[in-house]
C-alpha atoms as a PDB file:
ATOM      1  CA  UNK A   1      -4.517  -3.579 -21.148  1.00  0.00           C
ATOM      2  CA  UNK A   2      -3.616  -3.335 -17.419  1.00  0.00           C
ATOM      3  CA  UNK A   3      -6.402  -3.850 -14.912  1.00  0.00           C
ATOM      4  CA  UNK A   4      -5.402  -0.681 -13.023  1.00  0.00           C
ATOM      5  CA  UNK A   5      -3.804   2.452 -14.474  1.00  0.00           C
ATOM      6  CA  UNK A   6      -2.776   5.442 -12.356  1.00  0.00           C
ATOM      7  CA  UNK A   7      -0.889   8.451 -13.729  1.00  0.00           C
ATOM      8  CA  UNK A   8       0.317  11.510 -11.816  1.00  0.00           C
ATOM      9  CA  UNK A   9      -1.864  10.915  -8.743  1.00  0.00           C
ATOM     10  CA  UNK A  10      -1.524  13.493  -5.972  1.00  0.00           C
ATOM     11  CA  UNK A  11      -3.473  13.881  -2.733  1.00  0.00           C
ATOM     12  CA  UNK A  12      -3.327  17.163  -0.815  1.00  0.00           C
ATOM     13  CA  UNK A  13      -4.680  18.272   2.550  1.00  0.00           C
ATOM     14  CA  UNK A  14      -4.964  22.012   3.255  1.00  0.00           C
ATOM     15  CA  UNK A  15      -3.987  22.966   6.807  1.00  0.00           C
ATOM     16  CA  UNK A  16      -3.669  26.200   8.761  1.00  0.00           C
ATOM     17  CA  UNK A  17       0.098  26.045   8.130  1.00  0.00           C
ATOM     18  CA  UNK A  18      -0.072  25.304   4.417  1.00  0.00           C
ATOM     19  CA  UNK A  19      -0.897  22.452   2.069  1.00  0.00           C
ATOM     20  CA  UNK A  20       0.427  18.981   2.851  1.00  0.00           C
ATOM     21  CA  UNK A  21       0.951  16.796  -0.204  1.00  0.00           C
ATOM     22  CA  UNK A  22       0.500  13.303   1.249  1.00  0.00           C
ATOM     23  CA  UNK A  23       0.798  11.603  -2.148  1.00  0.00           C
ATOM     24  CA  UNK A  24       3.069  13.172  -4.745  1.00  0.00           C
ATOM     25  CA  UNK A  25       2.733  12.289  -8.460  1.00  0.00           C
ATOM     26  CA  UNK A  26       2.283   8.538  -8.230  1.00  0.00           C
ATOM     27  CA  UNK A  27       2.301   6.383 -11.383  1.00  0.00           C
ATOM     28  CA  UNK A  28       1.170   2.774 -11.093  1.00  0.00           C
ATOM     29  CA  UNK A  29      -0.092  -0.063 -13.281  1.00  0.00           C
ATOM     30  CA  UNK A  30      -1.325  -3.446 -12.135  1.00  0.00           C
ATOM     31  CA  UNK A  31      -2.200  -6.501 -14.210  1.00  0.00           C
ATOM     32  CA  UNK A  32      -4.902  -9.092 -13.582  1.00  0.00           C
ATOM     33  CA  UNK A  33      -3.731 -11.629 -10.998  1.00  0.00           C
ATOM     34  CA  UNK A  34      -0.576  -9.670 -10.103  1.00  0.00           C
ATOM     35  CA  UNK A  35       0.580  -9.226  -6.491  1.00  0.00           C
ATOM     36  CA  UNK A  36       2.151  -5.851  -5.656  1.00  0.00           C
ATOM     37  CA  UNK A  37       3.818  -5.088  -2.334  1.00  0.00           C
ATOM     38  CA  UNK A  38       3.807  -1.450  -1.159  1.00  0.00           C
ATOM     39  CA  UNK A  39       6.309  -0.734   1.613  1.00  0.00           C
ATOM     40  CA  UNK A  40       7.627   2.244   3.538  1.00  0.00           C
ATOM     41  CA  UNK A  41       7.574   3.804   6.994  1.00  0.00           C
ATOM     42  CA  UNK A  42       4.453   5.261   8.563  1.00  0.00           C
ATOM     43  CA  UNK A  43       3.660   8.568   6.874  1.00  0.00           C
ATOM     44  CA  UNK A  44       4.939   7.450   3.483  1.00  0.00           C
ATOM     45  CA  UNK A  45       1.531   7.762   1.794  1.00  0.00           C
ATOM     46  CA  UNK A  46       0.855   4.056   1.225  1.00  0.00           C
ATOM     47  CA  UNK A  47      -2.661   3.925   2.655  1.00  0.00           C
ATOM     48  CA  UNK A  48      -3.694   7.368   1.343  1.00  0.00           C
ATOM     49  CA  UNK A  49      -2.771   6.309  -2.196  1.00  0.00           C
ATOM     50  CA  UNK A  50      -5.155   3.359  -2.018  1.00  0.00           C
ATOM     51  CA  UNK A  51      -7.886   5.353  -0.263  1.00  0.00           C
ATOM     52  CA  UNK A  52      -7.732   7.807  -3.172  1.00  0.00           C
ATOM     53  CA  UNK A  53      -8.227   4.898  -5.571  1.00  0.00           C
ATOM     54  CA  UNK A  54     -11.228   3.739  -3.542  1.00  0.00           C
ATOM     55  CA  UNK A  55     -12.714   7.247  -3.476  1.00  0.00           C
ATOM     56  CA  UNK A  56     -12.452   7.348   0.308  1.00  0.00           C
ATOM     57  CA  UNK A  57     -10.345  10.485   0.834  1.00  0.00           C
ATOM     58  CA  UNK A  58     -12.636  12.694   2.860  1.00  0.00           C
ATOM     59  CA  UNK A  59     -12.989  16.471   2.940  1.00  0.00           C
ATOM     60  CA  UNK A  60     -10.888  18.626   2.896  1.00  0.00           C
ATOM     61  CA  UNK A  61      -8.570  16.259   1.025  1.00  0.00           C
ATOM     62  CA  UNK A  62      -8.118  16.919  -2.708  1.00  0.00           C
ATOM     63  CA  UNK A  63      -7.371  14.143  -5.194  1.00  0.00           C
ATOM     64  CA  UNK A  64      -5.854  14.980  -8.570  1.00  0.00           C
ATOM     65  CA  UNK A  65      -4.707  12.642 -11.334  1.00  0.00           C
ATOM     66  CA  UNK A  66      -4.112  12.641 -15.070  1.00  0.00           C
ATOM     67  CA  UNK A  67      -5.446   9.091 -15.252  1.00  0.00           C
ATOM     68  CA  UNK A  68      -7.265   6.874 -12.779  1.00  0.00           C
ATOM     69  CA  UNK A  69      -8.725   3.886 -14.629  1.00  0.00           C
ATOM     70  CA  UNK A  70      -9.921   0.462 -13.570  1.00  0.00           C
ATOM     71  CA  UNK A  71     -10.604  -2.136 -16.255  1.00  0.00           C
ATOM     72  CA  UNK A  72     -10.801   0.660 -18.825  1.00  0.00           C
ATOM     73  CA  UNK A  73     -13.322   2.688 -16.807  1.00  0.00           C
ATOM     74  CA  UNK A  74     -12.458   6.255 -15.845  1.00  0.00           C
ATOM     75  CA  UNK A  75     -12.794   6.626 -12.074  1.00  0.00           C
ATOM     76  CA  UNK A  76     -12.326  10.398 -12.269  1.00  0.00           C
ATOM     77  CA  UNK A  77     -15.490  10.993 -14.303  1.00  0.00           C
ATOM     78  CA  UNK A  78     -17.571   8.220 -12.713  1.00  0.00           C
ATOM     79  CA  UNK A  79     -20.686   9.296 -10.807  1.00  0.00           C
ATOM     80  CA  UNK A  80     -20.981   8.670  -7.076  1.00  0.00           C
ATOM     81  CA  UNK A  81     -23.577   5.978  -7.716  1.00  0.00           C
ATOM     82  CA  UNK A  82     -21.357   4.158 -10.223  1.00  0.00           C
ATOM     83  CA  UNK A  83     -18.416   4.443  -7.823  1.00  0.00           C
ATOM     84  CA  UNK A  84     -20.419   2.903  -4.976  1.00  0.00           C
ATOM     85  CA  UNK A  85     -21.428  -0.006  -7.215  1.00  0.00           C
ATOM     86  CA  UNK A  86     -17.793  -0.607  -8.147  1.00  0.00           C
ATOM     87  CA  UNK A  87     -16.323  -0.204  -4.671  1.00  0.00           C
ATOM     88  CA  UNK A  88     -16.906  -3.292  -2.573  1.00  0.00           C
ATOM     89  CA  UNK A  89     -17.712  -5.438  -5.597  1.00  0.00           C
ATOM     90  CA  UNK A  90     -14.914  -5.231  -8.194  1.00  0.00           C
ATOM     91  CA  UNK A  91     -12.489  -3.316  -5.960  1.00  0.00           C
ATOM     92  CA  UNK A  92     -12.399  -4.281  -2.286  1.00  0.00           C
ATOM     93  CA  UNK A  93     -10.214  -3.242   0.634  1.00  0.00           C
ATOM     94  CA  UNK A  94      -9.230  -4.890   3.904  1.00  0.00           C
ATOM     95  CA  UNK A  95      -8.674  -2.000   6.283  1.00  0.00           C
ATOM     96  CA  UNK A  96      -5.846  -1.768   8.762  1.00  0.00           C
ATOM     97  CA  UNK A  97      -7.883  -1.969  11.974  1.00  0.00           C
ATOM     98  CA  UNK A  98     -10.826  -4.407  11.874  1.00  0.00           C
ATOM     99  CA  UNK A  99     -11.936  -3.304  15.325  1.00  0.00           C
ATOM    100  CA  UNK A 100     -12.640   0.193  13.979  1.00  0.00           C
ATOM    101  CA  UNK A 101     -13.745  -0.866  10.470  1.00  0.00           C
ATOM    102  CA  UNK A 102     -16.505  -3.225  11.614  1.00  0.00           C
ATOM    103  CA  UNK A 103     -19.610  -1.544  13.004  1.00  0.00           C
ATOM    104  CA  UNK A 104     -19.885  -2.430  16.725  1.00  0.00           C
ATOM    105  CA  UNK A 105     -23.665  -1.905  16.651  1.00  0.00           C
ATOM    106  CA  UNK A 106     -24.432  -4.712  14.181  1.00  0.00           C
ATOM    107  CA  UNK A 107     -23.753  -8.424  14.174  1.00  0.00           C
ATOM    108  CA  UNK A 108     -21.198 -10.048  11.909  1.00  0.00           C
ATOM    109  CA  UNK A 109     -23.996 -11.749   9.998  1.00  0.00           C
ATOM    110  CA  UNK A 110     -25.843  -8.489   9.333  1.00  0.00           C
ATOM    111  CA  UNK A 111     -22.709  -6.765   8.023  1.00  0.00           C
ATOM    112  CA  UNK A 112     -21.807  -9.660   5.730  1.00  0.00           C
ATOM    113  CA  UNK A 113     -25.377  -9.979   4.436  1.00  0.00           C
ATOM    114  CA  UNK A 114     -25.594  -6.230   3.792  1.00  0.00           C
ATOM    115  CA  UNK A 115     -22.655  -6.455   1.383  1.00  0.00           C
ATOM    116  CA  UNK A 116     -24.277  -9.356  -0.459  1.00  0.00           C
ATOM    117  CA  UNK A 117     -27.689  -7.694  -0.659  1.00  0.00           C
ATOM    118  CA  UNK A 118     -26.230  -4.421  -1.878  1.00  0.00           C
ATOM    119  CA  UNK A 119     -23.906  -5.746  -4.577  1.00  0.00           C
ATOM    120  CA  UNK A 120     -25.324  -9.168  -5.460  1.00  0.00           C
ATOM    121  CA  UNK A 121     -29.038  -8.506  -4.917  1.00  0.00           C
ATOM    122  CA  UNK A 122     -29.411 -11.591  -2.692  1.00  0.00           C
ATOM    123  CA  UNK A 123     -32.457 -12.249  -0.559  1.00  0.00           C
ATOM    124  CA  UNK A 124     -32.126 -12.553   3.216  1.00  0.00           C
ATOM    125  CA  UNK A 125     -31.983 -16.350   3.232  1.00  0.00           C
ATOM    126  CA  UNK A 126     -29.540 -16.601   0.304  1.00  0.00           C
ATOM    127  CA  UNK A 127     -27.328 -13.943   1.858  1.00  0.00           C
ATOM    128  CA  UNK A 128     -27.260 -15.840   5.153  1.00  0.00           C
ATOM    129  CA  UNK A 129     -26.199 -19.099   3.468  1.00  0.00           C
ATOM    130  CA  UNK A 130     -23.530 -17.260   1.492  1.00  0.00           C
ATOM    131  CA  UNK A 131     -22.276 -15.538   4.656  1.00  0.00           C
ATOM    132  CA  UNK A 132     -21.859 -18.930   6.331  1.00  0.00           C
ATOM    133  CA  UNK A 133     -19.895 -20.197   3.313  1.00  0.00           C
ATOM    134  CA  UNK A 134     -17.628 -17.131   3.430  1.00  0.00           C
ATOM    135  CA  UNK A 135     -16.885 -17.568   7.124  1.00  0.00           C
ATOM    136  CA  UNK A 136     -16.019 -21.203   6.450  1.00  0.00           C
ATOM    137  CA  UNK A 137     -13.694 -20.136   3.634  1.00  0.00           C
ATOM    138  CA  UNK A 138     -11.726 -17.836   5.908  1.00  0.00           C
ATOM    139  CA  UNK A 139     -11.361 -20.508   8.571  1.00  0.00           C
ATOM    140  CA  UNK A 140     -13.818 -19.356  11.258  1.00  0.00           C
ATOM    141  CA  UNK A 141     -15.103 -22.322  13.277  1.00  0.00           C
ATOM    142  CA  UNK A 142     -18.841 -22.770  13.922  1.00  0.00           C
ATOM    143  CA  UNK A 143     -19.676 -20.074  11.339  1.00  0.00           C
ATOM    144  CA  UNK A 144     -23.459 -20.267  11.777  1.00  0.00           C
ATOM    145  CA  UNK A 145     -23.236 -19.317  15.434  1.00  0.00           C
ATOM    146  CA  UNK A 146     -20.698 -16.569  14.676  1.00  0.00           C
ATOM    147  CA  UNK A 147     -23.239 -14.765  12.514  1.00  0.00           C
ATOM    148  CA  UNK A 148     -24.982 -13.663  15.701  1.00  0.00           C
ATOM    149  CA  UNK A 149     -21.798 -12.351  17.317  1.00  0.00           C
ATOM    150  CA  UNK A 150     -20.834  -8.686  17.572  1.00  0.00           C
ATOM    151  CA  UNK A 151     -17.268  -7.560  16.717  1.00  0.00           C
ATOM    152  CA  UNK A 152     -16.344  -7.040  20.368  1.00  0.00           C
ATOM    153  CA  UNK A 153     -17.172 -10.685  21.058  1.00  0.00           C
ATOM    154  CA  UNK A 154     -14.475 -11.905  18.632  1.00  0.00           C
ATOM    155  CA  UNK A 155     -10.686 -11.821  18.864  1.00  0.00           C
ATOM    156  CA  UNK A 156      -8.548  -9.562  16.688  1.00  0.00           C
ATOM    157  CA  UNK A 157      -7.645 -12.462  14.413  1.00  0.00           C
ATOM    158  CA  UNK A 158     -11.297 -13.468  14.049  1.00  0.00           C
ATOM    159  CA  UNK A 159     -12.333  -9.901  13.204  1.00  0.00           C
ATOM    160  CA  UNK A 160      -9.572  -9.740  10.602  1.00  0.00           C
ATOM    161  CA  UNK A 161     -10.944 -12.932   9.028  1.00  0.00           C
ATOM    162  CA  UNK A 162     -14.425 -11.398   8.997  1.00  0.00           C
ATOM    163  CA  UNK A 163     -12.994  -8.343   7.200  1.00  0.00           C
ATOM    164  CA  UNK A 164     -11.424 -10.642   4.609  1.00  0.00           C
ATOM    165  CA  UNK A 165     -14.732 -12.494   4.195  1.00  0.00           C
ATOM    166  CA  UNK A 166     -16.522  -9.183   3.558  1.00  0.00           C
ATOM    167  CA  UNK A 167     -13.839  -8.100   1.085  1.00  0.00           C
ATOM    168  CA  UNK A 168     -14.010 -11.292  -1.004  1.00  0.00           C
ATOM    169  CA  UNK A 169     -17.793 -11.693  -0.745  1.00  0.00           C
ATOM    170  CA  UNK A 170     -18.435 -10.380  -4.260  1.00  0.00           C
ATOM    171  CA  UNK A 171     -15.367 -11.949  -5.920  1.00  0.00           C
ATOM    172  CA  UNK A 172     -13.441  -8.680  -6.458  1.00  0.00           C
ATOM    173  CA  UNK A 173     -10.953  -8.398  -9.288  1.00  0.00           C
ATOM    174  CA  UNK A 174      -8.695  -6.161  -7.176  1.00  0.00           C
ATOM    175  CA  UNK A 175      -8.159  -6.631  -3.438  1.00  0.00           C
ATOM    176  CA  UNK A 176      -6.247  -4.064  -1.382  1.00  0.00           C
ATOM    177  CA  UNK A 177      -4.943  -5.377   1.950  1.00  0.00           C
ATOM    178  CA  UNK A 178      -3.783  -2.529   4.207  1.00  0.00           C
ATOM    179  CA  UNK A 179      -1.543  -3.972   6.932  1.00  0.00           C
ATOM    180  CA  UNK A 180      -3.756  -7.072   7.240  1.00  0.00           C
ATOM    181  CA  UNK A 181      -1.624  -8.568  10.022  1.00  0.00           C
ATOM    182  CA  UNK A 182      -1.220  -5.499  12.255  1.00  0.00           C
ATOM    183  CA  UNK A 183      -1.497  -6.211  16.005  1.00  0.00           C
ATOM    184  CA  UNK A 184      -1.790  -9.978  15.452  1.00  0.00           C
ATOM    185  CA  UNK A 185       0.587 -12.512  16.954  1.00  0.00           C
ATOM    186  CA  UNK A 186       3.087 -14.237  14.686  1.00  0.00           C
ATOM    187  CA  UNK A 187       1.099 -17.475  14.331  1.00  0.00           C
ATOM    188  CA  UNK A 188      -2.094 -15.653  13.347  1.00  0.00           C
ATOM    189  CA  UNK A 189      -0.127 -13.404  10.969  1.00  0.00           C
ATOM    190  CA  UNK A 190       1.131 -16.454   9.081  1.00  0.00           C
ATOM    191  CA  UNK A 191      -2.398 -17.916   8.907  1.00  0.00           C
ATOM    192  CA  UNK A 192      -3.896 -14.659   7.576  1.00  0.00           C
ATOM    193  CA  UNK A 193      -1.192 -14.274   4.912  1.00  0.00           C
ATOM    194  CA  UNK A 194      -1.539 -17.899   3.850  1.00  0.00           C
ATOM    195  CA  UNK A 195      -5.302 -17.409   3.590  1.00  0.00           C
ATOM    196  CA  UNK A 196      -4.939 -14.239   1.493  1.00  0.00           C
ATOM    197  CA  UNK A 197      -2.496 -15.825  -0.931  1.00  0.00           C
ATOM    198  CA  UNK A 198      -4.637 -18.950  -1.247  1.00  0.00           C
ATOM    199  CA  UNK A 199      -7.701 -16.836  -2.100  1.00  0.00           C
ATOM    200  CA  UNK A 200      -5.652 -14.745  -4.543  1.00  0.00           C
ATOM    201  CA  UNK A 201      -4.490 -17.832  -6.427  1.00  0.00           C
ATOM    202  CA  UNK A 202      -7.925 -19.489  -6.469  1.00  0.00           C
ATOM    203  CA  UNK A 203      -9.684 -16.379  -7.789  1.00  0.00           C
ATOM    204  CA  UNK A 204      -6.806 -14.889  -9.839  1.00  0.00           C
ATOM    205  CA  UNK A 205      -7.316 -11.573  -8.043  1.00  0.00           C
ATOM    206  CA  UNK A 206      -4.926  -8.677  -8.383  1.00  0.00           C
ATOM    207  CA  UNK A 207      -3.652  -7.999  -4.869  1.00  0.00           C
ATOM    208  CA  UNK A 208      -2.045  -4.875  -3.404  1.00  0.00           C
ATOM    209  CA  UNK A 209      -0.395  -5.690  -0.080  1.00  0.00           C
ATOM    210  CA  UNK A 210       0.473  -2.626   2.031  1.00  0.00           C
ATOM    211  CA  UNK A 211       2.892  -3.489   4.806  1.00  0.00           C
ATOM    212  CA  UNK A 212       5.887  -2.397   6.902  1.00  0.00           C
ATOM    213  CA  UNK A 213       7.211  -5.953   6.784  1.00  0.00           C
ATOM    214  CA  UNK A 214       9.739  -6.466   3.993  1.00  0.00           C
ATOM    215  CA  UNK A 215       9.846 -10.190   4.785  1.00  0.00           C
ATOM    216  CA  UNK A 216       6.130 -10.517   4.029  1.00  0.00           C
ATOM    217  CA  UNK A 217       6.642  -8.887   0.627  1.00  0.00           C
ATOM    218  CA  UNK A 218       9.550 -11.210  -0.160  1.00  0.00           C
ATOM    219  CA  UNK A 219       7.311 -14.240   0.394  1.00  0.00           C
ATOM    220  CA  UNK A 220       4.154 -13.031  -1.345  1.00  0.00           C
ATOM    221  CA  UNK A 221       4.644 -10.302  -3.965  1.00  0.00           C
ATOM    222  CA  UNK A 222       5.932 -10.329  -7.531  1.00  0.00           C
ATOM    223  CA  UNK A 223       6.644  -6.599  -7.673  1.00  0.00           C
ATOM    224  CA  UNK A 224       7.495  -4.080  -4.967  1.00  0.00           C
ATOM    225  CA  UNK A 225       6.924  -0.321  -4.690  1.00  0.00           C
ATOM    226  CA  UNK A 226       8.967   1.520  -2.057  1.00  0.00           C
ATOM    227  CA  UNK A 227       7.343   4.777  -0.923  1.00  0.00           C
ATOM    228  CA  UNK A 228       8.744   7.637   1.137  1.00  0.00           C
ATOM    229  CA  UNK A 229       7.072  10.956   2.042  1.00  0.00           C
ATOM    230  CA  UNK A 230       4.381  10.448  -0.601  1.00  0.00           C
ATOM    231  CA  UNK A 231       6.754   9.585  -3.451  1.00  0.00           C
ATOM    232  CA  UNK A 232       7.839   6.349  -5.109  1.00  0.00           C
ATOM    233  CA  UNK A 233      11.539   5.866  -4.389  1.00  0.00           C
ATOM    234  CA  UNK A 234      11.988   2.558  -6.189  1.00  0.00           C
ATOM    235  CA  UNK A 235       9.720   0.165  -8.083  1.00  0.00           C
ATOM    236  CA  UNK A 236      11.071  -3.170  -9.326  1.00  0.00           C
ATOM    237  CA  UNK A 237      10.588  -6.921  -9.309  1.00  0.00           C
ATOM    238  CA  UNK A 238      10.845  -8.302  -5.786  1.00  0.00           C
ATOM    239  CA  UNK A 239      13.743 -10.686  -6.388  1.00  0.00           C
ATOM    240  CA  UNK A 240      15.799  -8.001  -8.124  1.00  0.00           C
ATOM    241  CA  UNK A 241      15.252  -5.374  -5.429  1.00  0.00           C
ATOM    242  CA  UNK A 242      16.052  -7.737  -2.568  1.00  0.00           C
ATOM    243  CA  UNK A 243      19.201  -8.934  -4.333  1.00  0.00           C
ATOM    244  CA  UNK A 244      20.440  -5.504  -5.405  1.00  0.00           C
ATOM    245  CA  UNK A 245      18.527  -2.441  -4.096  1.00  0.00           C
ATOM    246  CA  UNK A 246      19.245   0.717  -6.096  1.00  0.00           C
ATOM    247  CA  UNK A 247      17.855   3.450  -3.827  1.00  0.00           C
ATOM    248  CA  UNK A 248      19.598   4.168  -0.485  1.00  0.00           C
ATOM    249  CA  UNK A 249      16.211   4.091   1.264  1.00  0.00           C
ATOM    250  CA  UNK A 250      15.421   0.617  -0.083  1.00  0.00           C
ATOM    251  CA  UNK A 251      18.864  -0.553   1.001  1.00  0.00           C
ATOM    252  CA  UNK A 252      18.342   0.931   4.488  1.00  0.00           C
ATOM    253  CA  UNK A 253      14.979  -0.830   4.885  1.00  0.00           C
ATOM    254  CA  UNK A 254      16.551  -4.155   3.913  1.00  0.00           C
ATOM    255  CA  UNK A 255      19.515  -3.576   6.228  1.00  0.00           C
ATOM    256  CA  UNK A 256      17.071  -3.229   9.142  1.00  0.00           C
ATOM    257  CA  UNK A 257      15.838  -6.809   8.668  1.00  0.00           C
ATOM    258  CA  UNK A 258      17.085  -9.019  11.549  1.00  0.00           C
ATOM    259  CA  UNK A 259      18.461 -11.648   9.168  1.00  0.00           C
ATOM    260  CA  UNK A 260      20.555  -9.002   7.385  1.00  0.00           C
ATOM    261  CA  UNK A 261      21.844  -7.267  10.481  1.00  0.00           C
ATOM    262  CA  UNK A 262      25.633  -7.188  10.753  1.00  0.00           C
ATOM    263  CA  UNK A 263      25.378  -6.687  14.512  1.00  0.00           C
ATOM    264  CA  UNK A 264      24.047  -9.690  16.417  1.00  0.00           C
ATOM    265  CA  UNK A 265      22.883  -7.564  19.354  1.00  0.00           C
ATOM    266  CA  UNK A 266      21.578  -4.408  17.677  1.00  0.00           C
ATOM    267  CA  UNK A 267      19.430  -3.932  14.582  1.00  0.00           C
ATOM    268  CA  UNK A 268      20.332  -1.348  11.960  1.00  0.00           C
ATOM    269  CA  UNK A 269      18.192   1.800  12.008  1.00  0.00           C
ATOM    270  CA  UNK A 270      17.554   4.790   9.742  1.00  0.00           C
ATOM    271  CA  UNK A 271      18.335   8.050  11.577  1.00  0.00           C
ATOM    272  CA  UNK A 272      15.749  10.821  11.553  1.00  0.00           C
ATOM    273  CA  UNK A 273      12.074  10.734  10.600  1.00  0.00           C
ATOM    274  CA  UNK A 274       9.824  11.012   7.540  1.00  0.00           C
ATOM    275  CA  UNK A 275       9.434  14.775   6.821  1.00  0.00           C
ATOM    276  CA  UNK A 276       6.160  16.506   7.580  1.00  0.00           C
ATOM    277  CA  UNK A 277       4.697  19.752   6.306  1.00  0.00           C
ATOM    278  CA  UNK A 278       7.198  22.122   7.928  1.00  0.00           C
ATOM    279  CA  UNK A 279      10.454  20.219   7.432  1.00  0.00           C
ATOM    280  CA  UNK A 280      10.095  19.083   3.828  1.00  0.00           C
ATOM    281  CA  UNK A 281      13.491  19.317   2.089  1.00  0.00           C
ATOM    282  CA  UNK A 282      13.930  21.408  -1.026  1.00  0.00           C
ATOM    283  CA  UNK A 283      15.662  18.643  -2.957  1.00  0.00           C
ATOM    284  CA  UNK A 284      15.546  14.873  -2.491  1.00  0.00           C
ATOM    285  CA  UNK A 285      13.077  14.142   0.314  1.00  0.00           C
ATOM    286  CA  UNK A 286      15.356  11.432   1.708  1.00  0.00           C
ATOM    287  CA  UNK A 287      18.505  13.608   1.635  1.00  0.00           C
ATOM    288  CA  UNK A 288      18.490  14.595   5.374  1.00  0.00           C
ATOM    289  CA  UNK A 289      18.708  10.895   6.285  1.00  0.00           C
ATOM    290  CA  UNK A 290      20.900   9.718   3.402  1.00  0.00           C
ATOM    291  CA  UNK A 291      24.599   8.958   3.871  1.00  0.00           C
ATOM    292  CA  UNK A 292      25.227   9.669   0.175  1.00  0.00           C
ATOM    293  CA  UNK A 293      23.543  13.086  -0.040  1.00  0.00           C
ATOM    294  CA  UNK A 294      25.374  15.970  -1.727  1.00  0.00           C
ATOM    295  CA  UNK A 295      24.677  19.682  -2.051  1.00  0.00           C
ATOM    296  CA  UNK A 296      23.115  18.896  -5.415  1.00  0.00           C
ATOM    297  CA  UNK A 297      20.697  16.286  -4.021  1.00  0.00           C
ATOM    298  CA  UNK A 298      19.776  18.599  -1.120  1.00  0.00           C
ATOM    299  CA  UNK A 299      18.713  21.313  -3.563  1.00  0.00           C
ATOM    300  CA  UNK A 300      17.495  19.512  -6.687  1.00  0.00           C
ATOM    301  CA  UNK A 301      14.683  16.985  -6.448  1.00  0.00           C
ATOM    302  CA  UNK A 302      15.299  13.817  -8.510  1.00  0.00           C
ATOM    303  CA  UNK A 303      12.669  12.506 -10.889  1.00  0.00           C
ATOM    304  CA  UNK A 304      11.469   8.912 -11.009  1.00  0.00           C
ATOM    305  CA  UNK A 305      13.287   7.422 -13.998  1.00  0.00           C
ATOM    306  CA  UNK A 306      13.566   4.038 -15.696  1.00  0.00           C
ATOM    307  CA  UNK A 307      16.441   2.082 -14.201  1.00  0.00           C
ATOM    308  CA  UNK A 308      17.412  -1.529 -14.823  1.00  0.00           C
ATOM    309  CA  UNK A 309      14.239  -3.645 -14.571  1.00  0.00           C
ATOM    310  CA  UNK A 310      12.099  -0.904 -13.003  1.00  0.00           C
ATOM    311  CA  UNK A 311      12.263   2.700 -11.808  1.00  0.00           C
ATOM    312  CA  UNK A 312      14.268   4.645  -9.222  1.00  0.00           C
ATOM    313  CA  UNK A 313      14.128   8.225  -7.862  1.00  0.00           C
ATOM    314  CA  UNK A 314      17.760   8.994  -7.072  1.00  0.00           C
ATOM    315  CA  UNK A 315      20.577  11.144  -8.462  1.00  0.00           C
ATOM    316  CA  UNK A 316      23.068   8.400  -7.564  1.00  0.00           C
ATOM    317  CA  UNK A 317      21.576   4.882  -7.826  1.00  0.00           C
ATOM    318  CA  UNK A 318      23.689   2.396  -5.886  1.00  0.00           C
ATOM    319  CA  UNK A 319      24.364   0.289  -8.974  1.00  0.00           C
ATOM    320  CA  UNK A 320      25.466   3.197 -11.199  1.00  0.00           C
ATOM    321  CA  UNK A 321      29.134   2.664 -12.132  1.00  0.00           C
ATOM    322  CA  UNK A 322      29.553   6.452 -12.462  1.00  0.00           C
ATOM    323  CA  UNK A 323      27.928   7.350  -9.142  1.00  0.00           C
ATOM    324  CA  UNK A 324      31.184   8.115  -7.255  1.00  0.00           C
ATOM    325  CA  UNK A 325      32.403  10.396 -10.030  1.00  0.00           C
ATOM    326  CA  UNK A 326      29.025  12.145 -10.223  1.00  0.00           C
ATOM    327  CA  UNK A 327      28.900  12.638  -6.458  1.00  0.00           C
ATOM    328  CA  UNK A 328      32.418  14.035  -6.419  1.00  0.00           C
ATOM    329  CA  UNK A 329      31.526  16.446  -9.215  1.00  0.00           C
ATOM    330  CA  UNK A 330      28.364  17.620  -7.436  1.00  0.00           C
ATOM    331  CA  UNK A 331      30.122  17.982  -4.057  1.00  0.00           C
ATOM    332  CA  UNK A 332      32.609  20.335  -5.687  1.00  0.00           C
ATOM    333  CA  UNK A 333      29.972  23.083  -5.669  1.00  0.00           C
ATOM    334  CA  UNK A 334      26.322  24.001  -6.158  1.00  0.00           C
ATOM    335  CA  UNK A 335      24.897  23.338  -9.590  1.00  0.00           C
ATOM    336  CA  UNK A 336      23.316  25.994 -11.790  1.00  0.00           C
ATOM    337  CA  UNK A 337      19.917  24.426 -11.097  1.00  0.00           C
ATOM    338  CA  UNK A 338      20.507  24.716  -7.341  1.00  0.00           C
ATOM    339  CA  UNK A 339      21.579  28.380  -7.639  1.00  0.00           C
ATOM    340  CA  UNK A 340      18.405  29.205  -9.511  1.00  0.00           C
END
């Protein structure tokens, strides 16, 4: 049985101009010890998906799902008290901005000890010793003296390490890392990623790594989920997707990598922007930016379907031997579905 099971997850936010569906019918499973990379541009719904799993989507957001289970336990019917006991202990999250996630009014030591007292029932002295051990594990020098420091007294990299220490304090079975290297220099980024992967291997944690960096996913993940405008566009094994992407959006993201750029002086880009509430296409959400779009794909939304070693949401997957013929047929005129 998978550690995590999600079926038909949607997250909606009512606004004065209508309802924005930030996450649209997501299906996801994750096994014990597996590393999943979640990629996509800003506004693709990556973080909101994981916040919904954590129970952290605030009012007026609405979370709906046919199934939301962790280790066989139904998160949808779980009481608030049971959810609080689970969150932070068995499921932990490293948030994108440590400077805003850590409380500036309390010391690092207090915030670490609070997690241990709440979930592990440790006394003050035991929690302090454990906090020192955790800071040592994440590579913070002079950890005992750092317990007395406030977040503003530490660098961005140090605060990120503190966030990791808090997340792994209770030996979680699932760790969600939301852009854990944002705003850090390249050297610190490499150190943080190496630390995360080392901890994942030692503890056999399932790890969800949310990132904009396709190179990071290539080095760390076993499986990759490409999201766009709240939907999964492609989900496959990392090696297979990097070698032969099947969705035009996946291919465009890979083409934007410096090492894959055909132009030595200019990186490839994807024209346009992720659609918002008022410019959401009727058909394929990527169609306004897709070089392969037809009248059919602009009017009929594709479903996520099994394809090769994973899933793809596209009328014309790049590896389909019949794609040119199908595109030519659809460009000949609107389909009956589109007319309806």
